[in-house]
Amino acid sequence: MTGHRQLTAGITTHLRAKIVAVLGEQPRPLVGVTSLADGADQLFAASVLEQGGAVHVVLPAAGYEATVRDSESYGRLLAAAAEVTVLDFAEPGPDAYSAAGRYIADHCDLLVAIWDGEAPRGPGGTHAAVTYALRIGRPVRVCWPAEAVRP
């Protein structure tokens, strides 16, 4: 999965139901691949675990945990991960985030995108991961409330 870090409470409520619906359509065993960033990533990982699935965490770089605001949720979800892959970047940044998005797209059957469909706000984000997944022929399922505006 790929998705935005900043979500409002209303968007989160809508997305939780949407993610559960998408996960319910997927074959078993269910494995969710995510970087555990704040917002969409952690919401997705928690939903996968609640649905009885496993989580494969892809950390973009050494020291990535310092970029996460909700360290309690991050730590809990990381501890529950069935697999953890740390990419070979010395520190977090746009190149590492882009590589993580590509890794996730390369290793999934369906890319779930918690994305408003808007142009990127910077390099290495959701837009880049979706664009890459589509370019390699990976199916993408976008989840976003119709009238919601990303904070």
N, C-alpha and C. Protein backbone atom coordinates (compact mmCIF):
# COMPACT_ATOMS: atom_id res chain seq x y z
N MET A 1 0.83 -1.18 0.00
CA MET A 1 0.00 0.00 0.00
C MET A 1 0.86 1.23 0.00
N THR A 2 0.24 2.28 -0.46
CA THR A 2 0.86 3.59 -0.42
C THR A 2 -0.21 4.58 -0.01
N GLY A 3 0.17 5.63 0.66
CA GLY A 3 -0.87 6.58 1.06
C GLY A 3 -0.34 7.80 1.77
N HIS A 4 -1.26 8.72 1.98
CA HIS A 4 -0.92 9.99 2.60
C HIS A 4 -0.68 9.84 4.10
N ARG A 5 0.22 10.67 4.59
CA ARG A 5 0.55 10.65 6.02
C ARG A 5 -0.46 11.42 6.86
N GLN A 6 -0.98 12.49 6.32
CA GLN A 6 -1.89 13.34 7.10
C GLN A 6 -3.33 13.06 6.68
N LEU A 7 -4.12 12.61 7.66
CA LEU A 7 -5.53 12.31 7.43
C LEU A 7 -6.35 12.93 8.56
N THR A 8 -7.52 13.44 8.23
CA THR A 8 -8.42 13.94 9.26
C THR A 8 -9.16 12.76 9.89
N ALA A 9 -9.82 13.00 11.01
CA ALA A 9 -10.60 11.94 11.66
C ALA A 9 -11.71 11.44 10.73
N GLY A 10 -12.36 12.36 10.03
CA GLY A 10 -13.44 11.97 9.12
C GLY A 10 -12.94 11.12 7.96
N ILE A 11 -11.81 11.49 7.40
CA ILE A 11 -11.23 10.71 6.31
C ILE A 11 -10.82 9.33 6.83
N THR A 12 -10.23 9.28 8.01
CA THR A 12 -9.79 8.01 8.59
C THR A 12 -10.97 7.07 8.79
N THR A 13 -12.08 7.58 9.30
CA THR A 13 -13.27 6.74 9.51
C THR A 13 -13.74 6.15 8.19
N HIS A 14 -13.84 6.97 7.15
CA HIS A 14 -14.26 6.49 5.84
C HIS A 14 -13.27 5.44 5.30
N LEU A 15 -11.98 5.73 5.42
CA LEU A 15 -10.97 4.85 4.87
C LEU A 15 -10.91 3.51 5.57
N ARG A 16 -11.11 3.51 6.87
CA ARG A 16 -11.07 2.25 7.62
C ARG A 16 -12.08 1.26 7.02
N ALA A 17 -13.30 1.72 6.77
CA ALA A 17 -14.32 0.85 6.19
C ALA A 17 -13.96 0.43 4.76
N LYS A 18 -13.42 1.37 4.00
CA LYS A 18 -13.04 1.08 2.61
C LYS A 18 -11.90 0.05 2.55
N ILE A 19 -10.91 0.21 3.42
CA ILE A 19 -9.78 -0.72 3.46
C ILE A 19 -10.26 -2.12 3.83
N VAL A 20 -11.11 -2.22 4.84
CA VAL A 20 -11.63 -3.52 5.24
C VAL A 20 -12.39 -4.18 4.09
N ALA A 21 -13.15 -3.40 3.33
CA ALA A 21 -13.88 -3.94 2.18
C ALA A 21 -12.91 -4.46 1.12
N VAL A 22 -11.88 -3.69 0.81
CA VAL A 22 -10.89 -4.12 -0.19
C VAL A 22 -10.17 -5.37 0.29
N LEU A 23 -9.77 -5.40 1.55
CA LEU A 23 -9.08 -6.58 2.08
C LEU A 23 -9.97 -7.81 2.04
N GLY A 24 -11.26 -7.62 2.27
CA GLY A 24 -12.20 -8.73 2.24
C GLY A 24 -12.32 -9.37 0.87
N GLU A 25 -11.98 -8.64 -0.17
CA GLU A 25 -12.05 -9.15 -1.55
C GLU A 25 -10.79 -9.90 -1.96
N GLN A 26 -9.75 -9.84 -1.15
CA GLN A 26 -8.45 -10.39 -1.55
C GLN A 26 -8.33 -11.86 -1.17
N PRO A 27 -7.57 -12.62 -1.98
CA PRO A 27 -7.34 -14.03 -1.66
C PRO A 27 -6.53 -14.19 -0.37
N ARG A 28 -6.67 -15.33 0.22
CA ARG A 28 -5.93 -15.66 1.43
C ARG A 28 -4.81 -16.62 1.07
N PRO A 29 -3.70 -16.64 1.75
CA PRO A 29 -3.40 -15.82 2.91
C PRO A 29 -3.16 -14.36 2.51
N LEU A 30 -3.57 -13.48 3.39
CA LEU A 30 -3.49 -12.04 3.16
C LEU A 30 -2.18 -11.51 3.74
N VAL A 31 -1.42 -10.82 2.89
CA VAL A 31 -0.18 -10.18 3.34
C VAL A 31 -0.22 -8.74 2.85
N GLY A 32 -0.12 -7.79 3.77
CA GLY A 32 -0.07 -6.37 3.44
C GLY A 32 1.37 -5.89 3.49
N VAL A 33 1.77 -5.14 2.47
CA VAL A 33 3.14 -4.61 2.40
C VAL A 33 3.06 -3.10 2.56
N THR A 34 3.77 -2.55 3.54
CA THR A 34 3.67 -1.14 3.89
C THR A 34 4.94 -0.65 4.57
N SER A 35 5.14 0.66 4.57
CA SER A 35 6.30 1.25 5.25
C SER A 35 5.99 1.74 6.66
N LEU A 36 4.75 1.66 7.09
CA LEU A 36 4.34 2.07 8.45
C LEU A 36 4.50 3.55 8.73
N ALA A 37 4.42 4.38 7.71
CA ALA A 37 4.42 5.83 7.94
C ALA A 37 3.15 6.19 8.72
N ASP A 38 3.15 7.37 9.29
CA ASP A 38 1.94 7.86 9.96
C ASP A 38 0.78 7.87 8.97
N GLY A 39 -0.42 7.88 9.48
CA GLY A 39 -1.59 8.02 8.63
C GLY A 39 -1.99 6.74 7.95
N ALA A 40 -2.04 6.78 6.62
CA ALA A 40 -2.58 5.69 5.82
C ALA A 40 -1.83 4.37 6.02
N ASP A 41 -0.52 4.42 6.09
CA ASP A 41 0.25 3.18 6.24
C ASP A 41 -0.11 2.44 7.52
N GLN A 42 -0.15 3.17 8.62
CA GLN A 42 -0.46 2.53 9.89
C GLN A 42 -1.92 2.07 9.95
N LEU A 43 -2.82 2.84 9.36
CA LEU A 43 -4.22 2.44 9.28
C LEU A 43 -4.36 1.14 8.49
N PHE A 44 -3.67 1.05 7.36
CA PHE A 44 -3.70 -0.15 6.53
C PHE A 44 -3.13 -1.35 7.28
N ALA A 45 -1.96 -1.20 7.89
CA ALA A 45 -1.33 -2.31 8.60
C ALA A 45 -2.22 -2.83 9.72
N ALA A 46 -2.81 -1.92 10.48
CA ALA A 46 -3.71 -2.35 11.57
C ALA A 46 -4.91 -3.10 11.00
N SER A 47 -5.43 -2.64 9.87
CA SER A 47 -6.59 -3.30 9.25
C SER A 47 -6.22 -4.70 8.75
N VAL A 48 -5.05 -4.85 8.17
CA VAL A 48 -4.59 -6.17 7.71
C VAL A 48 -4.51 -7.12 8.90
N LEU A 49 -3.91 -6.68 9.98
CA LEU A 49 -3.79 -7.53 11.17
C LEU A 49 -5.16 -7.87 11.74
N GLU A 50 -6.07 -6.91 11.79
CA GLU A 50 -7.42 -7.15 12.29
C GLU A 50 -8.17 -8.17 11.43
N GLN A 51 -7.84 -8.24 10.14
CA GLN A 51 -8.47 -9.20 9.23
C GLN A 51 -7.76 -10.55 9.24
N GLY A 52 -6.81 -10.73 10.14
CA GLY A 52 -6.11 -12.01 10.26
C GLY A 52 -4.95 -12.17 9.30
N GLY A 53 -4.56 -11.09 8.66
CA GLY A 53 -3.44 -11.15 7.72
C GLY A 53 -2.11 -10.89 8.39
N ALA A 54 -1.07 -10.96 7.57
CA ALA A 54 0.28 -10.69 8.02
C ALA A 54 0.76 -9.39 7.38
N VAL A 55 1.72 -8.74 8.02
CA VAL A 55 2.26 -7.48 7.51
C VAL A 55 3.74 -7.65 7.21
N HIS A 56 4.11 -7.21 6.01
CA HIS A 56 5.52 -7.14 5.60
C HIS A 56 5.87 -5.66 5.60
N VAL A 57 6.75 -5.25 6.49
CA VAL A 57 7.14 -3.86 6.62
C VAL A 57 8.39 -3.59 5.78
N VAL A 58 8.32 -2.52 4.98
CA VAL A 58 9.45 -2.09 4.16
C VAL A 58 9.92 -0.74 4.70
N LEU A 59 11.04 -0.74 5.40
CA LEU A 59 11.58 0.50 5.96
C LEU A 59 12.49 1.14 4.92
N PRO A 60 12.21 2.39 4.55
CA PRO A 60 12.99 3.04 3.48
C PRO A 60 14.46 3.24 3.80
N ALA A 61 14.81 3.34 5.09
CA ALA A 61 16.20 3.66 5.44
C ALA A 61 16.46 3.38 6.91
N ALA A 62 17.72 3.30 7.24
CA ALA A 62 18.11 3.27 8.65
C ALA A 62 17.63 4.58 9.28
N GLY A 63 17.17 4.52 10.51
CA GLY A 63 16.72 5.72 11.20
C GLY A 63 15.33 6.19 10.80
N TYR A 64 14.61 5.41 10.01
CA TYR A 64 13.28 5.80 9.54
C TYR A 64 12.31 6.09 10.69
N GLU A 65 12.45 5.34 11.78
CA GLU A 65 11.52 5.51 12.91
C GLU A 65 11.53 6.94 13.45
N ALA A 66 12.61 7.67 13.28
CA ALA A 66 12.68 9.06 13.75
C ALA A 66 11.77 9.99 12.95
N THR A 67 11.30 9.56 11.78
CA THR A 67 10.42 10.39 10.96
C THR A 67 8.94 10.18 11.29
N VAL A 68 8.66 9.21 12.13
CA VAL A 68 7.27 8.83 12.44
C VAL A 68 6.82 9.55 13.70
N ARG A 69 5.68 10.25 13.60
CA ARG A 69 5.15 10.98 14.76
C ARG A 69 4.48 10.04 15.76
N ASP A 70 3.70 9.07 15.30
CA ASP A 70 3.00 8.16 16.19
C ASP A 70 3.89 6.95 16.46
N SER A 71 4.90 7.16 17.28
CA SER A 71 5.89 6.12 17.53
C SER A 71 5.30 4.93 18.29
N GLU A 72 4.26 5.17 19.10
CA GLU A 72 3.64 4.06 19.84
C GLU A 72 2.97 3.08 18.87
N SER A 73 2.15 3.61 17.96
CA SER A 73 1.50 2.77 16.96
C SER A 73 2.54 2.11 16.05
N TYR A 74 3.52 2.89 15.62
CA TYR A 74 4.59 2.37 14.78
C TYR A 74 5.29 1.18 15.44
N GLY A 75 5.67 1.34 16.69
CA GLY A 75 6.36 0.28 17.42
C GLY A 75 5.52 -0.97 17.58
N ARG A 76 4.25 -0.78 17.88
CA ARG A 76 3.33 -1.91 18.05
C ARG A 76 3.17 -2.67 16.72
N LEU A 77 2.97 -1.93 15.63
CA LEU A 77 2.78 -2.57 14.33
C LEU A 77 4.07 -3.21 13.83
N LEU A 78 5.20 -2.57 14.06
CA LEU A 78 6.49 -3.14 13.67
C LEU A 78 6.73 -4.46 14.41
N ALA A 79 6.41 -4.48 15.70
CA ALA A 79 6.58 -5.70 16.49
C ALA A 79 5.68 -6.83 15.99
N ALA A 80 4.55 -6.49 15.42
CA ALA A 80 3.60 -7.50 14.92
C ALA A 80 3.92 -7.95 13.50
N ALA A 81 4.90 -7.33 12.86
CA ALA A 81 5.21 -7.65 11.46
C ALA A 81 5.74 -9.07 11.32
N ALA A 82 5.29 -9.75 10.28
CA ALA A 82 5.79 -11.09 9.97
C ALA A 82 7.15 -11.02 9.29
N GLU A 83 7.40 -9.91 8.60
CA GLU A 83 8.66 -9.74 7.86
C GLU A 83 9.00 -8.25 7.84
N VAL A 84 10.28 -7.94 7.94
CA VAL A 84 10.76 -6.55 7.86
C VAL A 84 11.92 -6.50 6.87
N THR A 85 11.80 -5.61 5.91
CA THR A 85 12.88 -5.37 4.94
C THR A 85 13.35 -3.93 5.14
N VAL A 86 14.66 -3.74 5.34
CA VAL A 86 15.22 -2.40 5.47
C VAL A 86 16.02 -2.14 4.19
N LEU A 87 15.62 -1.09 3.47
CA LEU A 87 16.32 -0.75 2.24
C LEU A 87 17.69 -0.14 2.56
N ASP A 88 18.57 -0.21 1.61
CA ASP A 88 19.97 0.17 1.82
C ASP A 88 20.20 1.67 1.61
N PHE A 89 19.58 2.47 2.45
CA PHE A 89 19.79 3.93 2.44
C PHE A 89 20.24 4.32 3.83
N ALA A 90 21.22 5.19 3.90
CA ALA A 90 21.80 5.61 5.18
C ALA A 90 20.84 6.45 6.00
N GLU A 91 19.96 7.20 5.31
CA GLU A 91 19.01 8.04 6.04
C GLU A 91 17.74 8.23 5.22
N PRO A 92 16.64 8.54 5.90
CA PRO A 92 15.38 8.76 5.20
C PRO A 92 15.45 10.01 4.32
N GLY A 93 14.71 9.99 3.23
CA GLY A 93 14.65 11.13 2.32
C GLY A 93 13.94 10.72 1.04
N PRO A 94 13.78 11.66 0.12
CA PRO A 94 13.01 11.38 -1.10
C PRO A 94 13.48 10.16 -1.89
N ASP A 95 14.79 9.95 -2.01
CA ASP A 95 15.27 8.78 -2.75
C ASP A 95 14.88 7.48 -2.06
N ALA A 96 15.01 7.45 -0.74
CA ALA A 96 14.64 6.26 0.02
C ALA A 96 13.13 6.01 -0.06
N TYR A 97 12.33 7.07 0.03
CA TYR A 97 10.88 6.92 -0.04
C TYR A 97 10.46 6.44 -1.42
N SER A 98 11.08 6.95 -2.46
CA SER A 98 10.78 6.50 -3.82
C SER A 98 11.13 5.02 -3.98
N ALA A 99 12.27 4.63 -3.46
CA ALA A 99 12.69 3.23 -3.55
C ALA A 99 11.72 2.32 -2.79
N ALA A 100 11.26 2.77 -1.64
CA ALA A 100 10.29 1.97 -0.88
C ALA A 100 8.99 1.82 -1.66
N GLY A 101 8.51 2.88 -2.28
CA GLY A 101 7.30 2.80 -3.08
C GLY A 101 7.45 1.83 -4.23
N ARG A 102 8.61 1.85 -4.89
CA ARG A 102 8.87 0.91 -5.98
C ARG A 102 8.95 -0.53 -5.47
N TYR A 103 9.62 -0.71 -4.33
CA TYR A 103 9.74 -2.05 -3.74
C TYR A 103 8.34 -2.60 -3.43
N ILE A 104 7.52 -1.79 -2.83
CA ILE A 104 6.17 -2.24 -2.48
C ILE A 104 5.39 -2.60 -3.74
N ALA A 105 5.44 -1.75 -4.76
CA ALA A 105 4.73 -2.04 -6.01
C ALA A 105 5.27 -3.32 -6.66
N ASP A 106 6.56 -3.52 -6.60
CA ASP A 106 7.17 -4.71 -7.19
C ASP A 106 6.77 -5.99 -6.46
N HIS A 107 6.39 -5.89 -5.19
CA HIS A 107 6.13 -7.06 -4.37
C HIS A 107 4.66 -7.21 -3.95
N CYS A 108 3.76 -6.63 -4.69
CA CYS A 108 2.34 -6.77 -4.35
C CYS A 108 1.56 -7.29 -5.55
N ASP A 109 0.39 -7.84 -5.27
CA ASP A 109 -0.53 -8.26 -6.33
C ASP A 109 -1.48 -7.13 -6.68
N LEU A 110 -1.74 -6.26 -5.72
CA LEU A 110 -2.64 -5.12 -5.86
C LEU A 110 -2.07 -3.99 -5.01
N LEU A 111 -1.89 -2.81 -5.60
CA LEU A 111 -1.44 -1.67 -4.82
C LEU A 111 -2.67 -0.90 -4.35
N VAL A 112 -2.89 -0.89 -3.04
CA VAL A 112 -3.96 -0.09 -2.45
C VAL A 112 -3.37 1.30 -2.21
N ALA A 113 -4.02 2.31 -2.78
CA ALA A 113 -3.52 3.68 -2.69
C ALA A 113 -4.52 4.55 -1.93
N ILE A 114 -4.12 5.01 -0.77
CA ILE A 114 -4.91 5.96 0.01
C ILE A 114 -4.46 7.32 -0.50
N TRP A 115 -5.14 7.78 -1.56
CA TRP A 115 -4.63 8.89 -2.35
C TRP A 115 -5.77 9.77 -2.83
N ASP A 116 -5.56 11.07 -2.73
CA ASP A 116 -6.58 12.03 -3.18
C ASP A 116 -6.55 12.27 -4.68
N GLY A 117 -5.62 11.66 -5.39
CA GLY A 117 -5.53 11.79 -6.84
C GLY A 117 -4.87 13.07 -7.31
N GLU A 118 -4.42 13.88 -6.37
CA GLU A 118 -3.81 15.17 -6.72
C GLU A 118 -2.34 15.01 -7.06
N ALA A 119 -1.80 16.06 -7.66
CA ALA A 119 -0.38 16.10 -8.01
C ALA A 119 0.46 15.96 -6.74
N PRO A 120 1.68 15.50 -6.88
CA PRO A 120 2.53 15.30 -5.70
C PRO A 120 2.90 16.61 -5.03
N ARG A 121 3.08 16.53 -3.72
CA ARG A 121 3.56 17.68 -2.95
C ARG A 121 5.08 17.66 -2.82
N GLY A 122 5.66 16.59 -3.25
CA GLY A 122 7.11 16.45 -3.20
C GLY A 122 7.50 15.11 -3.78
N PRO A 123 8.79 14.87 -3.93
CA PRO A 123 9.24 13.61 -4.53
C PRO A 123 9.08 12.43 -3.56
N GLY A 124 8.90 11.25 -4.13
CA GLY A 124 8.92 10.03 -3.33
C GLY A 124 7.63 9.69 -2.63
N GLY A 125 6.53 10.29 -2.99
CA GLY A 125 5.28 10.06 -2.28
C GLY A 125 4.32 9.11 -2.99
N THR A 126 3.07 9.24 -2.60
CA THR A 126 2.01 8.38 -3.09
C THR A 126 1.85 8.46 -4.60
N HIS A 127 1.87 9.65 -5.14
CA HIS A 127 1.73 9.82 -6.59
C HIS A 127 2.81 9.03 -7.33
N ALA A 128 4.04 9.11 -6.87
CA ALA A 128 5.15 8.40 -7.51
C ALA A 128 4.95 6.89 -7.45
N ALA A 129 4.49 6.38 -6.31
CA ALA A 129 4.28 4.93 -6.17
C ALA A 129 3.15 4.46 -7.09
N VAL A 130 2.07 5.23 -7.17
CA VAL A 130 0.95 4.87 -8.05
C VAL A 130 1.40 4.90 -9.51
N THR A 131 2.10 5.94 -9.89
CA THR A 131 2.58 6.07 -11.28
C THR A 131 3.48 4.89 -11.65
N TYR A 132 4.38 4.54 -10.75
CA TYR A 132 5.28 3.41 -11.00
C TYR A 132 4.49 2.10 -11.11
N ALA A 133 3.57 1.86 -10.19
CA ALA A 133 2.78 0.63 -10.21
C ALA A 133 2.02 0.49 -11.52
N LEU A 134 1.41 1.57 -11.97
CA LEU A 134 0.67 1.52 -13.24
C LEU A 134 1.62 1.26 -14.41
N ARG A 135 2.80 1.86 -14.36
CA ARG A 135 3.78 1.68 -15.44
C ARG A 135 4.23 0.23 -15.56
N ILE A 136 4.33 -0.49 -14.44
CA ILE A 136 4.76 -1.89 -14.49
C ILE A 136 3.58 -2.85 -14.62
N GLY A 137 2.37 -2.29 -14.76
CA GLY A 137 1.20 -3.13 -14.98
C GLY A 137 0.56 -3.69 -13.74
N ARG A 138 0.87 -3.11 -12.60
CA ARG A 138 0.29 -3.57 -11.34
C ARG A 138 -1.08 -2.94 -11.18
N PRO A 139 -2.10 -3.73 -10.81
CA PRO A 139 -3.40 -3.11 -10.56
C PRO A 139 -3.34 -2.19 -9.34
N VAL A 140 -4.09 -1.10 -9.40
CA VAL A 140 -4.11 -0.11 -8.32
C VAL A 140 -5.56 0.12 -7.92
N ARG A 141 -5.83 0.09 -6.62
CA ARG A 141 -7.15 0.42 -6.11
C ARG A 141 -7.02 1.67 -5.27
N VAL A 142 -7.61 2.78 -5.75
CA VAL A 142 -7.55 4.05 -5.04
C VAL A 142 -8.72 4.13 -4.07
N CYS A 143 -8.42 4.48 -2.84
CA CYS A 143 -9.43 4.66 -1.80
C CYS A 143 -9.33 6.10 -1.31
N TRP A 144 -10.39 6.85 -1.48
CA TRP A 144 -10.43 8.24 -0.99
C TRP A 144 -11.87 8.70 -0.98
N PRO A 145 -12.32 9.35 0.09
CA PRO A 145 -13.69 9.89 0.12
C PRO A 145 -13.89 10.93 -0.98
N ALA A 146 -15.01 10.87 -1.66
CA ALA A 146 -15.28 11.69 -2.84
C ALA A 146 -15.04 13.19 -2.63
N GLU A 147 -15.51 13.76 -1.54
CA GLU A 147 -15.38 15.20 -1.35
C GLU A 147 -14.33 15.60 -0.33
N ALA A 148 -13.54 14.66 0.10
CA ALA A 148 -12.55 14.96 1.13
C ALA A 148 -11.37 15.74 0.56
N VAL A 149 -10.85 16.64 1.37
CA VAL A 149 -9.67 17.42 1.00
C VAL A 149 -8.56 17.05 1.97
N ARG A 150 -7.43 16.68 1.42
CA ARG A 150 -6.29 16.29 2.25
C ARG A 150 -5.81 17.49 3.05
N PRO A 151 -5.55 17.29 4.34
CA PRO A 151 -5.04 18.40 5.16
C PRO A 151 -3.67 18.86 4.71
